[in-house]
Amino acid sequence: MRKARGPRTIGCMRLRFENCDIDGDTRELKVAGRPVDVEPRAFDLLMYLLEHRDRVVGKDELLDAIWPRQIVTETALARCVMKARKAIGDSSGRHGGKHGAIRTVHGHGYRFVGAVTAAGDGAHSDAPPVPAPQDRPLPPVTRYARSGDLSIAYQVIGTGPVDIVLVNGWISNVELAWEHPRPRRFLERLASFARLINFDKRGTGLSDRSAGLPTFEQRMDDVRAVMDAAGSERAVLMGYSEGGPMCVLFAATYPERTAGLVLYGTYMKRVRSMDYPWAPTRDERLAAIEAVDKNWDQGLDVEHYAPSMAGDAAFANWLMAYWRRSASPKTAGEILRMNTDIDMCHVLPSVRVPTLVMHRVHDRDSKAAEGRYIASRIPGAEFLELPGADHLVWAGDMEDILVPVEAFVARVGTAAPAESVLMTLLAVTPADPGAPDAGLDREFGACLDACQGRPVLAEQGLLGAFDGTGRALRAAFAMRDWAVRSGRGLHIALHVGECVHTGTGVSGAPVAAVQAIAGAAPDNAVLVSRIVRDLVTGYSFDDAGSVQVTRRPLQVYRAERL
């Protein structure tokens, strides 16, 4: 039981949905042309949901609107919803049903999802759809954020209280997406309840092309650059398909900038293994890359990615043109190659932000079992299995995705940042730890500056912290090269794990682990843990056995540049 805060205005309008006509001025409802008696509060509730059909309406808000300044219970609201459904002949929206005009969003409220048009003088008006209560956004202006030497194209849509950064799958084009009603509708719906920041990853769409394969840390830099340019201090990251792995790494590395994480139809590995049996085999993956290289002008199999749209020739033609205009064959293939050997599975337990994982049950490109696995490894993550087989986020019933995202964003928008941060630690210890070595200290500081690391107080040797594994490896090899040139011997090690900032230092199990690995490293070798190996490309890794860390063995590898 609660007391409503005050009255809200119930608007007046004339609308039509399915075989129903409703007139807010005369307070009349007709079904199939016949007047229907409706209890006054049920009529008010129906009108309010129609007025605010662009979003989920919370229970408290409905209680305030329908029973101003009265003490009521949620049971009364549930009965009122039942009467409204009965009046319009809608029963399938109950219990979260998919097809009803009034849909229940469990734990949050209700939403009117039926198709609505303006009602004319007759019961069968062909008037165009009524726009949402806020102005329908025009295709937004494309702007550019500077990330290193490259420009990253981005757009900002909407003015909601929470920011969403949309990390698109594989390839994208922020301007072409507005040319088809499906992606346009998807973007507009996200922008109806949040301020949406949409961007093209480097190498795709309207963003600059980069030399060589982009690393995950460069792509995370691009997200931060776009957020900074858009004035976003903290946002919900929403990644689908190929955008998911980078979102996971970003959320673990920058929890202070991540309000929440939404993943749809994504994966953490792209080559099958004993502990990840859902991915393609290496041969299947290489064949897919070769098909892109050779057949890019013919497009890809639409039925594989969007089976519900396979019979729509216009959509298929538009989608193939969208892909071709978003990336060249070489770029599309390079992005696939970049993902082939990446493994984000070890990062999942380090994600400490609210997370929603969604997957269609019959997705052919990435399996629903992958979604369940991802959710099971992220502490506190929610998993939602959706009906259908579409991998593309624009295909099928988009409301299946958008309604839970809206409720999730409303729930997590004000959550406090996590205290722990995923870091890559670089430990450097002299082979002869006797006398102080000012030259070593200077070179280590210069390497940290050049690779965007920062020094960390350590009980023994030198310790640096990085927010990107690739940058830490570059610093490690720079230190190794310097040691060889100067005739010194160094023990060099890298490890990735969750750490907590403590003033000028960091604490946590990874600190002891990286120092133990350094203690086992041969002179002027770069020894890394398995998670480091799984997060980077451009290096070779040879098995170097294991190192005992706090009574458990940690697999380590000797790294070399390719």
Protein backbone atom coordinates (compact mmCIF):
# COMPACT_ATOMS: atom_id res chain seq x y z
CA MET A 1 0.00 0.00 0.00
CA ARG A 2 1.29 3.50 -0.82
CA LYS A 3 0.01 7.03 -1.15
CA ALA A 4 0.08 8.67 -4.57
CA ARG A 5 2.01 11.94 -4.75
CA GLY A 6 -0.49 13.95 -6.78
CA PRO A 7 -2.54 14.08 -9.95
CA ARG A 8 -1.15 13.75 -13.44
CA THR A 9 -2.93 14.91 -16.55
CA ILE A 10 -4.78 12.31 -18.60
CA GLY A 11 -4.64 13.64 -22.14
CA CYS A 12 -7.50 13.85 -24.66
CA MET A 13 -7.11 12.30 -28.10
CA ARG A 14 -8.87 10.10 -30.64
CA LEU A 15 -6.98 6.94 -31.50
CA ARG A 16 -7.49 3.62 -33.22
CA PHE A 17 -5.72 0.31 -32.50
CA GLU A 18 -6.63 -3.08 -33.90
CA ASN A 19 -10.49 -2.98 -34.05
CA CYS A 20 -10.82 -0.43 -31.24
CA ASP A 21 -11.58 3.31 -31.38
CA ILE A 22 -11.11 5.49 -28.31
CA ASP A 23 -12.10 9.12 -27.89
CA GLY A 24 -10.51 10.93 -24.97
CA ASP A 25 -12.83 13.95 -25.32
CA THR A 26 -16.12 12.04 -25.10
CA ARG A 27 -14.57 9.20 -23.08
CA GLU A 28 -16.01 6.63 -25.46
CA LEU A 29 -14.57 3.26 -26.45
CA LYS A 30 -15.83 1.31 -29.44
CA VAL A 31 -14.80 -2.24 -30.33
CA ALA A 32 -15.68 -3.36 -33.86
CA GLY A 33 -17.85 -0.25 -34.13
CA ARG A 34 -19.92 -1.02 -31.00
CA PRO A 35 -19.78 1.09 -27.81
CA VAL A 36 -18.25 -0.69 -24.80
CA ASP A 37 -18.87 0.24 -21.18
CA VAL A 38 -15.58 0.86 -19.38
CA GLU A 39 -15.06 1.54 -15.70
CA PRO A 40 -13.76 5.18 -15.48
CA ARG A 41 -10.39 4.35 -13.95
CA ALA A 42 -9.80 1.57 -16.46
CA PHE A 43 -10.51 4.11 -19.20
CA ASP A 44 -8.04 6.56 -17.64
CA LEU A 45 -5.42 3.84 -17.38
CA LEU A 46 -5.89 2.86 -21.02
CA MET A 47 -5.59 6.51 -22.13
CA TYR A 48 -2.45 7.02 -20.03
CA LEU A 49 -0.75 3.94 -21.44
CA LEU A 50 -1.67 5.03 -24.96
CA GLU A 51 -0.29 8.51 -24.31
CA HIS A 52 3.00 7.10 -23.04
CA ARG A 53 3.27 4.10 -25.34
CA ASP A 54 6.90 4.96 -26.20
CA ARG A 55 8.08 3.51 -22.86
CA VAL A 56 7.37 1.24 -19.91
CA VAL A 57 5.14 3.08 -17.41
CA GLY A 58 6.05 2.26 -13.82
CA LYS A 59 3.47 1.12 -11.30
CA ASP A 60 4.00 4.12 -9.02
CA GLU A 61 3.48 6.50 -11.92
CA LEU A 62 0.22 4.78 -12.87
CA LEU A 63 -1.01 4.89 -9.28
CA ASP A 64 -0.25 8.62 -9.19
CA ALA A 65 -2.06 9.22 -12.47
CA ILE A 66 -5.19 7.12 -11.87
CA TRP A 67 -5.66 7.59 -8.11
CA PRO A 68 -4.27 11.07 -7.30
CA ARG A 69 -3.85 11.76 -3.57
CA GLN A 70 -5.42 8.46 -2.58
CA ILE A 71 -4.13 5.52 -0.58
CA VAL A 72 -4.27 2.48 -2.86
CA THR A 73 -2.59 -0.90 -3.34
CA GLU A 74 -0.93 -2.54 -6.32
CA THR A 75 -3.76 -5.07 -6.26
CA ALA A 76 -6.15 -2.27 -7.22
CA LEU A 77 -3.84 -1.40 -10.12
CA ALA A 78 -3.71 -5.02 -11.29
CA ARG A 79 -7.53 -5.19 -11.26
CA CYS A 80 -7.74 -1.94 -13.21
CA VAL A 81 -5.33 -3.31 -15.83
CA MET A 82 -7.44 -6.47 -16.06
CA LYS A 83 -10.60 -4.38 -16.67
CA ALA A 84 -8.86 -2.32 -19.35
CA ARG A 85 -7.69 -5.50 -21.10
CA LYS A 86 -11.14 -7.00 -20.90
CA ALA A 87 -12.71 -3.85 -22.39
CA ILE A 88 -10.50 -3.99 -25.50
CA GLY A 89 -10.61 -7.80 -25.79
CA ASP A 90 -6.94 -8.19 -24.89
CA SER A 91 -6.02 -11.19 -22.77
CA SER A 92 -2.64 -12.32 -24.14
CA GLY A 93 -0.67 -9.49 -22.54
CA ARG A 94 -1.16 -10.96 -19.08
CA HIS A 95 1.70 -12.68 -17.26
CA GLY A 96 4.22 -10.96 -19.54
CA GLY A 97 2.57 -12.35 -22.66
CA LYS A 98 4.16 -11.35 -25.94
CA HIS A 99 1.21 -10.59 -28.16
CA GLY A 100 -1.10 -8.46 -26.00
CA ALA A 101 -1.62 -4.76 -26.62
CA ILE A 102 -1.03 -4.05 -22.91
CA ARG A 103 2.17 -5.85 -22.00
CA THR A 104 3.27 -6.59 -18.44
CA VAL A 105 6.96 -5.91 -17.76
CA HIS A 106 7.52 -7.94 -14.61
CA GLY A 107 8.76 -5.95 -11.64
CA HIS A 108 8.52 -2.64 -13.50
CA GLY A 109 5.10 -1.79 -14.89
CA TYR A 110 3.10 -1.89 -18.12
CA ARG A 111 3.47 -0.78 -21.69
CA PHE A 112 1.03 -0.37 -24.57
CA VAL A 113 2.62 -2.09 -27.58
CA GLY A 114 -0.28 -2.29 -30.06
CA ALA A 115 -0.12 -0.49 -33.41
CA VAL A 116 -1.87 2.88 -33.05
CA THR A 117 -3.21 5.30 -35.68
CA ALA A 118 -5.17 8.54 -35.50
CA ALA A 119 -8.91 7.93 -35.58
CA GLY A 120 -10.93 9.80 -38.23
CA ASP A 121 -14.65 10.43 -38.32
CA GLY A 122 -15.29 6.84 -39.36
CA ALA A 123 -14.28 3.66 -37.64
CA HIS A 124 -11.95 2.65 -40.46
CA SER A 125 -9.74 5.70 -40.83
CA ASP A 126 -6.59 5.32 -42.92
CA ALA A 127 -4.87 8.22 -41.19
CA PRO A 128 -1.08 7.92 -40.73
CA PRO A 129 0.39 6.70 -37.44
CA VAL A 130 0.43 9.19 -34.61
CA PRO A 131 3.98 10.25 -33.69
CA ALA A 132 5.32 9.49 -30.23
CA PRO A 133 4.64 12.08 -27.52
CA GLN A 134 8.13 13.58 -28.05
CA ASP A 135 9.16 14.75 -31.48
CA ARG A 136 10.34 12.02 -33.81
CA PRO A 137 14.11 12.63 -34.18
CA LEU A 138 15.46 13.47 -37.59
CA PRO A 139 18.58 11.62 -38.75
CA PRO A 140 21.16 13.17 -36.41
CA VAL A 141 24.30 15.05 -37.37
CA THR A 142 27.43 12.91 -37.64
CA ARG A 143 30.31 14.24 -35.58
CA TYR A 144 33.89 13.08 -35.07
CA ALA A 145 35.88 12.29 -31.94
CA ARG A 146 39.67 12.23 -32.02
CA SER A 147 41.21 8.95 -30.83
CA GLY A 148 44.97 9.09 -31.22
CA ASP A 149 45.62 9.87 -34.89
CA LEU A 150 42.18 8.72 -36.06
CA SER A 151 38.72 10.29 -36.25
CA ILE A 152 35.80 8.19 -35.00
CA ALA A 153 32.34 8.97 -36.39
CA TYR A 154 29.53 9.18 -33.85
CA GLN A 155 25.99 10.46 -33.41
CA VAL A 156 23.99 11.49 -30.34
CA ILE A 157 20.25 10.86 -30.37
CA GLY A 158 17.70 11.63 -27.66
CA THR A 159 17.89 13.42 -24.31
CA GLY A 160 17.15 10.66 -21.79
CA PRO A 161 18.47 10.67 -18.21
CA VAL A 162 20.88 7.77 -18.84
CA ASP A 163 23.46 7.45 -21.62
CA ILE A 164 23.66 4.32 -23.76
CA VAL A 165 26.76 3.70 -25.88
CA LEU A 166 25.78 1.30 -28.66
CA VAL A 167 28.67 -0.92 -29.77
CA ASN A 168 27.54 -2.35 -33.08
CA GLY A 169 28.30 -5.80 -34.37
CA TRP A 170 31.02 -6.58 -36.92
CA ILE A 171 30.62 -3.50 -39.20
CA SER A 172 28.31 -0.49 -39.24
CA ASN A 173 27.55 2.87 -40.82
CA VAL A 174 25.84 5.40 -38.55
CA GLU A 175 24.26 7.28 -41.46
CA LEU A 176 23.14 4.36 -43.62
CA ALA A 177 21.34 2.83 -40.64
CA TRP A 178 18.71 5.58 -40.91
CA GLU A 179 17.83 4.65 -44.50
CA HIS A 180 15.87 1.50 -43.57
CA PRO A 181 12.85 1.56 -41.22
CA ARG A 182 14.03 -1.37 -39.11
CA PRO A 183 17.38 -0.03 -37.87
CA ARG A 184 15.83 3.44 -37.72
CA ARG A 185 13.06 2.16 -35.47
CA PHE A 186 15.60 0.36 -33.28
CA LEU A 187 17.69 3.51 -32.80
CA GLU A 188 14.64 5.71 -32.20
CA ARG A 189 13.30 3.35 -29.54
CA LEU A 190 16.61 3.33 -27.67
CA ALA A 191 16.68 7.13 -27.87
CA SER A 192 13.11 7.32 -26.50
CA PHE A 193 14.28 6.35 -23.00
CA ALA A 194 18.00 7.23 -23.03
CA ARG A 195 20.53 9.52 -24.64
CA LEU A 196 21.93 7.22 -27.30
CA ILE A 197 25.55 7.49 -28.46
CA ASN A 198 26.07 5.47 -31.66
CA PHE A 199 29.43 5.21 -33.40
CA ASP A 200 31.34 3.38 -36.12
CA LYS A 201 34.32 1.36 -34.90
CA ARG A 202 37.66 2.32 -36.43
CA GLY A 203 38.01 0.87 -39.90
CA THR A 204 34.27 0.75 -40.56
CA GLY A 205 31.53 3.08 -41.70
CA LEU A 206 32.45 6.75 -41.57
CA SER A 207 35.40 6.34 -39.18
CA ASP A 208 39.03 6.46 -40.29
CA ARG A 209 40.78 3.31 -41.45
CA SER A 210 43.72 2.20 -39.33
CA ALA A 211 46.98 0.55 -40.37
CA GLY A 212 46.94 -3.12 -39.40
CA LEU A 213 44.54 -4.92 -37.12
CA PRO A 214 43.00 -2.76 -34.37
CA THR A 215 43.65 -3.99 -30.87
CA PHE A 216 40.99 -4.21 -28.18
CA GLU A 217 42.68 -1.45 -26.21
CA GLN A 218 42.55 0.85 -29.26
CA ARG A 219 38.88 0.10 -29.66
CA MET A 220 38.33 0.83 -25.96
CA ASP A 221 40.20 4.10 -26.48
CA ASP A 222 37.72 4.88 -29.27
CA VAL A 223 34.77 4.35 -26.92
CA ARG A 224 36.30 6.63 -24.31
CA ALA A 225 37.07 9.26 -26.96
CA VAL A 226 33.46 9.19 -28.18
CA MET A 227 32.11 9.38 -24.63
CA ASP A 228 34.39 12.33 -23.86
CA ALA A 229 33.38 14.12 -27.07
CA ALA A 230 29.70 13.55 -26.28
CA GLY A 231 30.11 14.75 -22.68
CA SER A 232 29.27 11.35 -21.19
CA GLU A 233 30.96 10.56 -17.89
CA ARG A 234 29.23 7.22 -17.44
CA ALA A 235 27.03 5.10 -19.69
CA VAL A 236 25.34 1.75 -20.16
CA LEU A 237 27.31 -0.16 -22.79
CA MET A 238 25.14 -2.16 -25.17
CA GLY A 239 27.08 -4.54 -27.41
CA TYR A 240 25.63 -7.02 -29.82
CA SER A 241 27.35 -9.79 -31.78
CA GLU A 242 30.99 -8.79 -32.44
CA GLY A 243 30.56 -5.74 -30.22
CA GLY A 244 30.06 -7.88 -27.11
CA PRO A 245 33.62 -9.01 -26.29
CA MET A 246 35.01 -5.47 -26.31
CA CYS A 247 32.13 -4.29 -24.11
CA VAL A 248 32.97 -6.99 -21.57
CA LEU A 249 36.62 -5.90 -21.48
CA PHE A 250 35.64 -2.22 -21.25
CA ALA A 251 33.23 -2.85 -18.36
CA ALA A 252 35.90 -4.76 -16.43
CA THR A 253 38.63 -2.21 -17.19
CA TYR A 254 36.62 1.00 -16.75
CA PRO A 255 33.85 0.24 -14.23
CA GLU A 256 33.86 3.89 -13.16
CA ARG A 257 32.61 4.79 -16.66
CA THR A 258 30.24 1.85 -17.07
CA ALA A 259 26.79 2.14 -15.46
CA GLY A 260 25.67 -1.23 -16.82
CA LEU A 261 26.31 -3.79 -19.53
CA VAL A 262 23.80 -5.14 -22.07
CA LEU A 263 24.85 -8.02 -24.33
CA TYR A 264 22.80 -9.48 -27.17
CA GLY A 265 23.64 -12.44 -29.42
CA THR A 266 27.31 -12.31 -28.55
CA TYR A 267 30.20 -14.70 -27.83
CA MET A 268 33.52 -14.74 -26.00
CA LYS A 269 35.53 -17.01 -28.33
CA ARG A 270 35.45 -17.66 -32.06
CA VAL A 271 37.40 -20.94 -32.21
CA ARG A 272 36.05 -24.09 -30.58
CA SER A 273 37.78 -25.64 -27.57
CA MET A 274 37.02 -28.28 -24.96
CA ASP A 275 35.75 -25.66 -22.51
CA TYR A 276 33.90 -23.65 -25.19
CA PRO A 277 32.28 -26.17 -27.57
CA TRP A 278 29.81 -23.76 -29.25
CA ALA A 279 32.26 -21.80 -31.40
CA PRO A 280 33.12 -22.78 -35.00
CA THR A 281 36.15 -24.97 -35.60
CA ARG A 282 39.29 -23.21 -36.84
CA ASP A 283 38.73 -24.60 -40.34
CA GLU A 284 35.14 -23.31 -40.34
CA ARG A 285 36.32 -19.92 -39.18
CA LEU A 286 39.01 -19.68 -41.85
CA ALA A 287 36.49 -20.72 -44.50
CA ALA A 288 34.15 -17.92 -43.38
CA ILE A 289 36.96 -15.37 -43.67
CA GLU A 290 37.87 -16.67 -47.12
CA ALA A 291 34.22 -16.39 -48.22
CA VAL A 292 34.20 -12.73 -47.22
CA ASP A 293 37.43 -12.09 -49.13
CA LYS A 294 36.15 -13.74 -52.30
CA ASN A 295 32.39 -13.09 -52.31
CA TRP A 296 31.95 -9.68 -50.70
CA ASP A 297 30.34 -8.30 -53.85
CA GLN A 298 27.65 -10.99 -53.62
CA GLY A 299 26.82 -10.40 -49.97
CA LEU A 300 26.33 -12.92 -47.18
CA ASP A 301 23.58 -15.40 -46.40
CA VAL A 302 20.72 -13.29 -45.04
CA GLU A 303 18.84 -16.40 -43.93
CA HIS A 304 21.74 -17.26 -41.60
CA TYR A 305 21.71 -13.89 -39.83
CA ALA A 306 18.03 -12.92 -40.15
CA PRO A 307 15.88 -15.97 -41.02
CA SER A 308 12.65 -14.07 -40.29
CA MET A 309 13.57 -11.61 -43.06
CA ALA A 310 14.84 -14.14 -45.61
CA GLY A 311 11.74 -13.74 -47.81
CA ASP A 312 11.98 -9.95 -47.87
CA ALA A 313 13.99 -9.20 -51.03
CA ALA A 314 14.04 -5.46 -50.36
CA PHE A 315 15.53 -5.96 -46.90
CA ALA A 316 18.09 -8.46 -48.22
CA ASN A 317 19.22 -6.07 -50.95
CA TRP A 318 19.46 -3.17 -48.53
CA LEU A 319 21.41 -5.25 -45.98
CA MET A 320 23.96 -6.42 -48.56
CA ALA A 321 24.46 -2.84 -49.74
CA TYR A 322 24.75 -1.69 -46.10
CA TRP A 323 27.54 -4.21 -45.45
CA ARG A 324 29.42 -3.30 -48.64
CA ARG A 325 29.19 0.43 -47.90
CA SER A 326 30.31 -0.10 -44.31
CA ALA A 327 33.61 -1.86 -45.02
CA SER A 328 35.80 -3.09 -47.85
CA PRO A 329 36.35 -6.85 -48.30
CA LYS A 330 39.84 -6.53 -46.80
CA THR A 331 38.61 -4.62 -43.74
CA ALA A 332 35.68 -6.99 -43.15
CA GLY A 333 38.03 -9.98 -43.33
CA GLU A 334 40.63 -8.34 -41.06
CA ILE A 335 38.05 -7.78 -38.34
CA LEU A 336 37.11 -11.45 -38.51
CA ARG A 337 40.79 -12.41 -38.27
CA MET A 338 41.29 -10.14 -35.27
CA ASN A 339 38.52 -11.95 -33.37
CA THR A 340 39.59 -15.46 -34.33
CA ASP A 341 42.08 -16.05 -31.52
CA ILE A 342 40.65 -13.73 -28.89
CA ASP A 343 39.34 -15.32 -25.69
CA MET A 344 37.40 -13.14 -23.24
CA CYS A 345 36.20 -15.99 -21.04
CA HIS A 346 38.74 -15.22 -18.31
CA VAL A 347 37.59 -11.59 -18.17
CA LEU A 348 33.94 -12.40 -17.40
CA PRO A 349 34.33 -12.91 -13.61
CA SER A 350 35.99 -9.48 -13.40
CA VAL A 351 32.88 -7.66 -14.66
CA ARG A 352 31.40 -5.96 -11.60
CA VAL A 353 28.65 -3.85 -13.15
CA PRO A 354 24.96 -4.75 -13.52
CA THR A 355 24.65 -6.96 -16.61
CA LEU A 356 21.82 -8.17 -18.83
CA VAL A 357 22.57 -10.94 -21.33
CA MET A 358 20.01 -11.70 -24.06
CA HIS A 359 20.07 -14.38 -26.73
CA ARG A 360 17.54 -15.77 -29.18
CA VAL A 361 16.99 -19.45 -28.59
CA HIS A 362 17.66 -20.57 -32.18
CA ASP A 363 20.37 -18.06 -33.17
CA ARG A 364 22.48 -19.74 -35.87
CA ASP A 365 25.51 -17.47 -35.70
CA SER A 366 26.15 -17.63 -31.97
CA LYS A 367 24.41 -20.19 -29.80
CA ALA A 368 22.04 -19.53 -26.93
CA ALA A 369 24.27 -21.76 -24.80
CA GLU A 370 27.00 -19.14 -25.23
CA GLY A 371 24.69 -16.51 -23.78
CA ARG A 372 23.90 -18.73 -20.79
CA TYR A 373 27.61 -19.40 -20.28
CA ILE A 374 28.45 -15.68 -20.41
CA ALA A 375 25.73 -14.80 -17.89
CA SER A 376 26.80 -17.61 -15.57
CA ARG A 377 30.38 -16.28 -15.43
CA ILE A 378 29.52 -12.61 -14.74
CA PRO A 379 28.62 -12.11 -11.06
CA GLY A 380 24.94 -11.25 -10.66
CA ALA A 381 24.21 -11.16 -14.40
CA GLU A 382 20.66 -11.69 -15.63
CA PHE A 383 20.07 -14.00 -18.61
CA LEU A 384 17.04 -13.61 -20.84
CA GLU A 385 16.37 -16.20 -23.54
CA LEU A 386 14.27 -14.74 -26.34
CA PRO A 387 12.12 -16.54 -28.92
CA GLY A 388 13.22 -16.69 -32.54
CA ALA A 389 16.35 -17.36 -34.57
CA ASP A 390 17.47 -13.90 -35.71
CA HIS A 391 21.04 -12.88 -34.97
CA LEU A 392 20.67 -9.35 -36.32
CA VAL A 393 19.41 -7.00 -33.64
CA TRP A 394 17.08 -5.27 -36.16
CA ALA A 395 15.35 -8.47 -37.31
CA GLY A 396 12.42 -10.27 -35.71
CA ASP A 397 10.42 -8.71 -32.89
CA MET A 398 12.68 -5.88 -31.71
CA GLU A 399 10.40 -5.21 -28.75
CA ASP A 400 11.56 -8.51 -27.26
CA ILE A 401 14.95 -6.83 -26.93
CA LEU A 402 13.99 -3.22 -26.35
CA VAL A 403 11.43 -3.66 -23.56
CA PRO A 404 13.86 -5.45 -21.19
CA VAL A 405 16.65 -3.03 -22.13
CA GLU A 406 14.41 -0.10 -21.21
CA ALA A 407 13.56 -1.64 -17.85
CA PHE A 408 17.23 -2.50 -17.22
CA VAL A 409 18.44 1.02 -18.03
CA ALA A 410 15.83 2.53 -15.71
CA ARG A 411 16.99 0.20 -12.94
CA VAL A 412 20.77 0.60 -13.17
CA GLY A 413 21.18 4.19 -14.33
CA THR A 414 22.13 5.43 -10.86
CA ALA A 415 24.09 2.41 -9.59
CA ALA A 416 27.41 3.24 -7.88
CA PRO A 417 30.65 2.31 -9.70
CA ALA A 418 32.49 -0.86 -8.71
CA GLU A 419 35.66 -0.46 -6.64
CA SER A 420 37.75 -3.13 -8.37
CA VAL A 421 39.29 -2.57 -11.80
CA LEU A 422 40.74 -4.99 -14.35
CA MET A 423 44.40 -4.10 -14.82
CA THR A 424 47.39 -5.47 -16.69
CA LEU A 425 50.40 -5.50 -14.38
CA LEU A 426 54.00 -5.42 -15.60
CA ALA A 427 56.68 -6.55 -13.13
CA VAL A 428 60.36 -5.93 -13.86
CA THR A 429 63.00 -7.27 -11.47
CA PRO A 430 66.80 -7.05 -11.95
CA ALA A 431 68.54 -10.41 -12.27
CA ASP A 432 71.11 -8.99 -9.82
CA PRO A 433 69.04 -7.10 -7.27
CA GLY A 434 72.07 -5.79 -5.36
CA ALA A 435 72.86 -2.12 -5.95
CA PRO A 436 70.21 0.45 -7.03
CA ASP A 437 70.11 1.05 -10.77
CA ALA A 438 69.14 4.62 -11.64
CA GLY A 439 69.29 3.82 -15.37
CA LEU A 440 66.73 1.03 -14.94
CA ASP A 441 64.41 3.32 -13.00
CA ARG A 442 64.61 6.02 -15.69
CA GLU A 443 64.03 3.56 -18.55
CA PHE A 444 61.08 1.96 -16.77
CA GLY A 445 59.49 5.37 -16.21
CA ALA A 446 60.02 6.30 -19.86
CA CYS A 447 58.41 3.04 -21.03
CA LEU A 448 55.41 3.64 -18.80
CA ASP A 449 54.98 7.15 -20.20
CA ALA A 450 55.31 5.97 -23.81
CA CYS A 451 52.79 3.14 -23.34
CA GLN A 452 50.27 4.98 -21.12
CA GLY A 453 51.09 3.02 -17.99
CA ARG A 454 51.57 4.33 -14.49
CA PRO A 455 54.02 3.33 -11.75
CA VAL A 456 52.76 1.40 -8.76
CA LEU A 457 54.51 1.09 -5.42
CA ALA A 458 55.91 -2.42 -4.98
CA GLU A 459 57.76 -4.20 -2.20
CA GLN A 460 60.25 -5.64 -4.67
CA GLY A 461 61.32 -4.67 -8.18
CA LEU A 462 59.36 -2.31 -10.41
CA LEU A 463 55.65 -2.52 -11.04
CA GLY A 464 53.49 -0.75 -13.61
CA ALA A 465 49.73 -0.80 -14.22
CA PHE A 466 48.04 -0.52 -17.63
CA ASP A 467 44.44 -0.42 -18.83
CA GLY A 468 45.39 -2.28 -22.03
CA THR A 469 47.22 -5.59 -22.38
CA GLY A 470 48.78 -4.66 -25.74
CA ARG A 471 50.29 -1.49 -24.28
CA ALA A 472 51.73 -3.46 -21.37
CA LEU A 473 53.31 -5.98 -23.76
CA ARG A 474 54.87 -3.19 -25.82
CA ALA A 475 56.37 -1.76 -22.64
CA ALA A 476 57.64 -5.22 -21.64
CA PHE A 477 59.45 -5.74 -24.93
CA ALA A 478 60.83 -2.21 -24.84
CA MET A 479 62.33 -3.04 -21.44
CA ARG A 480 63.69 -6.32 -22.77
CA ASP A 481 65.29 -4.61 -25.78
CA TRP A 482 66.88 -2.00 -23.53
CA ALA A 483 68.25 -4.70 -21.19
CA VAL A 484 69.84 -6.57 -24.12
CA ARG A 485 71.42 -3.38 -25.50
CA SER A 486 72.78 -2.31 -22.12
CA GLY A 487 74.03 -5.76 -21.09
CA ARG A 488 71.66 -6.05 -18.14
CA GLY A 489 69.58 -9.02 -17.05
CA LEU A 490 65.88 -8.50 -16.25
CA HIS A 491 63.04 -10.76 -15.16
CA ILE A 492 59.90 -9.51 -16.92
CA ALA A 493 56.34 -10.71 -16.31
CA LEU A 494 52.75 -9.71 -17.11
CA HIS A 495 49.45 -10.72 -15.59
CA VAL A 496 45.84 -9.44 -15.78
CA GLY A 497 43.46 -9.36 -12.85
CA GLU A 498 41.14 -7.36 -10.60
CA CYS A 499 42.88 -4.79 -8.46
CA VAL A 500 41.78 -2.08 -6.06
CA HIS A 501 43.37 1.38 -6.08
CA THR A 502 45.03 2.27 -2.77
CA GLY A 503 46.41 5.78 -3.15
CA THR A 504 49.61 5.47 -5.19
CA GLY A 505 49.45 1.68 -5.19
CA VAL A 506 47.14 -1.20 -6.00
CA SER A 507 46.21 -4.25 -3.99
CA GLY A 508 44.84 -7.65 -4.83
CA ALA A 509 45.91 -11.16 -5.71
CA PRO A 510 47.22 -10.15 -9.19
CA VAL A 511 50.08 -8.20 -7.57
CA ALA A 512 51.45 -11.29 -5.84
CA ALA A 513 50.82 -13.36 -8.98
CA VAL A 514 52.78 -11.11 -11.38
CA GLN A 515 55.69 -10.89 -8.96
CA ALA A 516 55.74 -14.69 -8.61
CA ILE A 517 55.80 -15.02 -12.42
CA ALA A 518 58.68 -12.52 -12.61
CA GLY A 519 60.57 -14.56 -10.03
CA ALA A 520 60.33 -17.61 -12.34
CA ALA A 521 61.22 -15.77 -15.56
CA PRO A 522 64.54 -16.49 -17.31
CA ASP A 523 66.83 -13.54 -17.90
CA ASN A 524 65.45 -11.13 -20.54
CA ALA A 525 62.45 -13.31 -21.33
CA VAL A 526 58.89 -11.97 -21.26
CA LEU A 527 56.73 -14.38 -19.27
CA VAL A 528 52.93 -13.95 -19.28
CA SER A 529 49.89 -15.62 -17.76
CA ARG A 530 47.23 -17.33 -19.86
CA ILE A 531 44.78 -14.42 -19.66
CA VAL A 532 47.41 -12.14 -21.22
CA ARG A 533 47.88 -14.65 -24.03
CA ASP A 534 44.14 -14.78 -24.66
CA LEU A 535 43.67 -11.01 -24.91
CA VAL A 536 46.17 -10.04 -27.59
CA THR A 537 47.15 -10.79 -31.17
CA GLY A 538 50.45 -10.15 -32.96
CA TYR A 539 52.59 -12.30 -30.63
CA SER A 540 53.54 -15.96 -30.36
CA PHE A 541 53.34 -17.82 -27.06
CA ASP A 542 55.24 -20.95 -26.05
CA ASP A 543 54.22 -23.03 -23.05
CA ALA A 544 56.59 -22.28 -20.16
CA GLY A 545 55.05 -24.57 -17.53
CA SER A 546 53.41 -23.27 -14.39
CA VAL A 547 54.20 -21.01 -11.44
CA GLN A 548 52.94 -21.63 -7.92
CA VAL A 549 50.85 -18.68 -6.75
CA THR A 550 49.19 -18.78 -3.32
CA ARG A 551 49.07 -22.60 -3.29
CA ARG A 552 47.75 -22.99 -6.83
CA PRO A 553 49.57 -23.38 -10.14
CA LEU A 554 49.27 -20.62 -12.74
CA GLN A 555 49.95 -21.54 -16.38
CA VAL A 556 52.55 -19.25 -17.97
CA TYR A 557 53.88 -18.67 -21.50
CA ARG A 558 56.99 -17.16 -23.05
CA ALA A 559 55.95 -14.36 -25.39
CA GLU A 560 57.71 -13.29 -28.58
CA ARG A 561 56.89 -10.78 -31.28
CA LEU A 562 55.66 -12.25 -34.56
